[in-house]
Amino acid sequence: MIYPFEQFNVNISCLGNHELDRGIEHAELMLAETSCPWILSNLFQKDHDMRPIAGVDKWKVLEH
């Protein structure tokens, strides 16, 4: 699904439940293959200083 996703030229995306269907580690690998930033502000990893899961940002500012 990465190729079709990339064809939409997404500026930013929010991590959802289906990105986590195969686990956090798999999500990290898949997100690394995309060209847009990912955000999530309501699901954190206790063992990673309470950072959002899968290494995404809590927020992002885009200027257009």
N, C-alpha and C. Protein backbone atom coordinates (compact mmCIF):
# COMPACT_ATOMS: atom_id res chain seq x y z
N MET A 1 0.80 -1.21 0.00
CA MET A 1 0.00 0.00 0.00
C MET A 1 0.85 1.27 0.00
N ILE A 2 2.14 1.14 0.15
CA ILE A 2 2.98 2.33 0.19
C ILE A 2 3.00 3.03 -1.17
N TYR A 3 3.13 2.27 -2.25
CA TYR A 3 3.17 2.88 -3.57
C TYR A 3 1.91 3.70 -3.86
N PRO A 4 0.70 3.16 -3.67
CA PRO A 4 -0.49 4.00 -3.91
C PRO A 4 -0.54 5.21 -2.98
N PHE A 5 -0.16 5.02 -1.73
CA PHE A 5 -0.15 6.13 -0.77
C PHE A 5 0.76 7.25 -1.26
N GLU A 6 1.93 6.90 -1.72
CA GLU A 6 2.89 7.89 -2.20
C GLU A 6 2.39 8.64 -3.43
N GLN A 7 1.54 8.02 -4.23
CA GLN A 7 1.03 8.66 -5.44
C GLN A 7 0.09 9.82 -5.12
N PHE A 8 -0.43 9.89 -3.90
CA PHE A 8 -1.32 10.97 -3.51
C PHE A 8 -0.57 12.22 -3.06
N ASN A 9 0.76 12.13 -2.94
CA ASN A 9 1.57 13.28 -2.50
C ASN A 9 1.04 13.89 -1.21
N VAL A 10 0.85 13.05 -0.22
CA VAL A 10 0.33 13.47 1.08
C VAL A 10 1.32 14.39 1.77
N ASN A 11 0.84 15.50 2.34
CA ASN A 11 1.70 16.44 3.04
C ASN A 11 2.00 16.01 4.47
N ILE A 12 1.02 15.38 5.11
CA ILE A 12 1.17 14.91 6.48
C ILE A 12 0.09 13.85 6.72
N SER A 13 0.38 12.91 7.60
CA SER A 13 -0.60 11.85 7.86
C SER A 13 -0.63 11.54 9.35
N CYS A 14 -1.78 11.11 9.81
CA CYS A 14 -1.97 10.74 11.20
C CYS A 14 -1.98 9.22 11.31
N LEU A 15 -1.21 8.70 12.23
CA LEU A 15 -1.14 7.26 12.46
C LEU A 15 -2.49 6.77 12.96
N GLY A 16 -3.00 5.72 12.34
CA GLY A 16 -4.28 5.15 12.74
C GLY A 16 -4.15 3.71 13.18
N ASN A 17 -5.26 3.12 13.53
CA ASN A 17 -5.22 1.76 14.06
C ASN A 17 -4.74 0.73 13.04
N HIS A 18 -5.02 0.90 11.77
CA HIS A 18 -4.62 -0.11 10.79
C HIS A 18 -3.12 -0.10 10.51
N GLU A 19 -2.45 1.03 10.73
CA GLU A 19 -1.00 1.04 10.60
C GLU A 19 -0.35 0.17 11.68
N LEU A 20 -1.09 -0.11 12.74
CA LEU A 20 -0.56 -0.90 13.85
C LEU A 20 -1.06 -2.35 13.85
N ASP A 21 -1.77 -2.74 12.82
CA ASP A 21 -2.30 -4.10 12.76
C ASP A 21 -1.24 -5.18 12.92
N ARG A 22 -0.04 -4.92 12.42
CA ARG A 22 1.04 -5.92 12.46
C ARG A 22 2.11 -5.57 13.49
N GLY A 23 1.80 -4.64 14.38
CA GLY A 23 2.71 -4.28 15.47
C GLY A 23 3.45 -2.98 15.23
N ILE A 24 3.99 -2.45 16.33
CA ILE A 24 4.69 -1.16 16.28
C ILE A 24 5.95 -1.25 15.43
N GLU A 25 6.71 -2.33 15.58
CA GLU A 25 7.96 -2.45 14.82
C GLU A 25 7.70 -2.46 13.32
N HIS A 26 6.66 -3.16 12.90
CA HIS A 26 6.31 -3.20 11.47
C HIS A 26 5.86 -1.82 11.00
N ALA A 27 5.10 -1.13 11.83
CA ALA A 27 4.65 0.22 11.48
C ALA A 27 5.85 1.14 11.27
N GLU A 28 6.84 1.04 12.15
CA GLU A 28 8.04 1.88 12.00
C GLU A 28 8.73 1.63 10.66
N LEU A 29 8.81 0.39 10.25
CA LEU A 29 9.43 0.06 8.96
C LEU A 29 8.63 0.63 7.79
N MET A 30 7.32 0.50 7.85
CA MET A 30 6.47 0.98 6.77
C MET A 30 6.48 2.51 6.69
N LEU A 31 6.41 3.18 7.84
CA LEU A 31 6.40 4.64 7.83
C LEU A 31 7.71 5.20 7.31
N ALA A 32 8.80 4.50 7.54
CA ALA A 32 10.11 4.94 7.05
C ALA A 32 10.17 4.94 5.53
N GLU A 33 9.29 4.20 4.89
CA GLU A 33 9.28 4.12 3.42
C GLU A 33 8.42 5.21 2.78
N THR A 34 7.76 6.03 3.59
CA THR A 34 6.93 7.10 3.05
C THR A 34 7.69 8.42 3.10
N SER A 35 7.23 9.38 2.33
CA SER A 35 7.94 10.67 2.25
C SER A 35 7.29 11.77 3.07
N CYS A 36 6.16 11.50 3.71
CA CYS A 36 5.50 12.54 4.49
C CYS A 36 5.74 12.31 5.99
N PRO A 37 5.64 13.38 6.79
CA PRO A 37 5.73 13.21 8.23
C PRO A 37 4.43 12.59 8.77
N TRP A 38 4.56 11.87 9.88
CA TRP A 38 3.42 11.24 10.53
C TRP A 38 3.28 11.82 11.93
N ILE A 39 2.03 11.97 12.39
CA ILE A 39 1.78 12.51 13.73
C ILE A 39 0.82 11.60 14.50
N LEU A 40 0.88 11.74 15.80
CA LEU A 40 -0.03 11.04 16.71
C LEU A 40 0.17 11.64 18.08
N SER A 41 -0.90 12.02 18.75
CA SER A 41 -0.73 12.69 20.04
C SER A 41 -1.47 12.01 21.19
N ASN A 42 -1.94 10.80 20.98
CA ASN A 42 -2.70 10.19 22.07
C ASN A 42 -2.31 8.75 22.40
N LEU A 43 -1.16 8.27 21.92
CA LEU A 43 -0.72 6.92 22.23
C LEU A 43 0.80 6.94 22.38
N PHE A 44 1.26 6.69 23.61
CA PHE A 44 2.67 6.85 23.94
C PHE A 44 3.29 5.55 24.41
N GLN A 45 4.60 5.46 24.30
CA GLN A 45 5.35 4.30 24.76
C GLN A 45 6.03 4.63 26.09
N LYS A 46 5.67 3.93 27.14
CA LYS A 46 6.27 4.17 28.45
C LYS A 46 7.78 3.95 28.43
N ASP A 47 8.23 2.95 27.69
CA ASP A 47 9.66 2.62 27.68
C ASP A 47 10.48 3.50 26.74
N HIS A 48 9.87 4.51 26.14
CA HIS A 48 10.59 5.45 25.27
C HIS A 48 10.30 6.89 25.68
N ASP A 49 10.42 7.16 26.97
CA ASP A 49 10.23 8.51 27.51
C ASP A 49 8.89 9.13 27.14
N MET A 50 7.86 8.31 27.05
CA MET A 50 6.50 8.76 26.75
C MET A 50 6.41 9.47 25.40
N ARG A 51 7.19 9.04 24.44
CA ARG A 51 7.10 9.56 23.08
C ARG A 51 5.99 8.82 22.35
N PRO A 52 5.41 9.44 21.33
CA PRO A 52 4.39 8.73 20.55
C PRO A 52 4.95 7.43 19.96
N ILE A 53 4.09 6.45 19.82
CA ILE A 53 4.52 5.15 19.29
C ILE A 53 5.04 5.28 17.87
N ALA A 54 5.84 4.34 17.48
CA ALA A 54 6.40 4.21 16.13
C ALA A 54 7.30 5.39 15.74
N GLY A 55 7.74 6.17 16.72
CA GLY A 55 8.67 7.25 16.43
C GLY A 55 8.09 8.43 15.68
N VAL A 56 6.77 8.58 15.69
CA VAL A 56 6.15 9.71 14.99
C VAL A 56 6.18 10.95 15.88
N ASP A 57 5.85 12.10 15.30
CA ASP A 57 5.81 13.36 16.04
C ASP A 57 4.47 13.55 16.74
N LYS A 58 4.48 14.33 17.83
CA LYS A 58 3.22 14.68 18.51
C LYS A 58 2.44 15.69 17.67
N TRP A 59 3.16 16.58 17.01
CA TRP A 59 2.54 17.61 16.18
C TRP A 59 3.55 18.07 15.15
N LYS A 60 3.05 18.79 14.16
CA LYS A 60 3.91 19.29 13.08
C LYS A 60 3.23 20.52 12.50
N VAL A 61 3.99 21.53 12.21
CA VAL A 61 3.48 22.74 11.57
C VAL A 61 3.94 22.74 10.12
N LEU A 62 3.00 22.86 9.21
CA LEU A 62 3.32 22.95 7.78
C LEU A 62 2.89 24.31 7.28
N GLU A 63 3.77 24.95 6.55
CA GLU A 63 3.42 26.22 5.94
C GLU A 63 3.18 26.00 4.46
N HIS A 64 2.10 26.57 3.96
CA HIS A 64 1.77 26.46 2.53
C HIS A 64 1.69 27.81 1.91
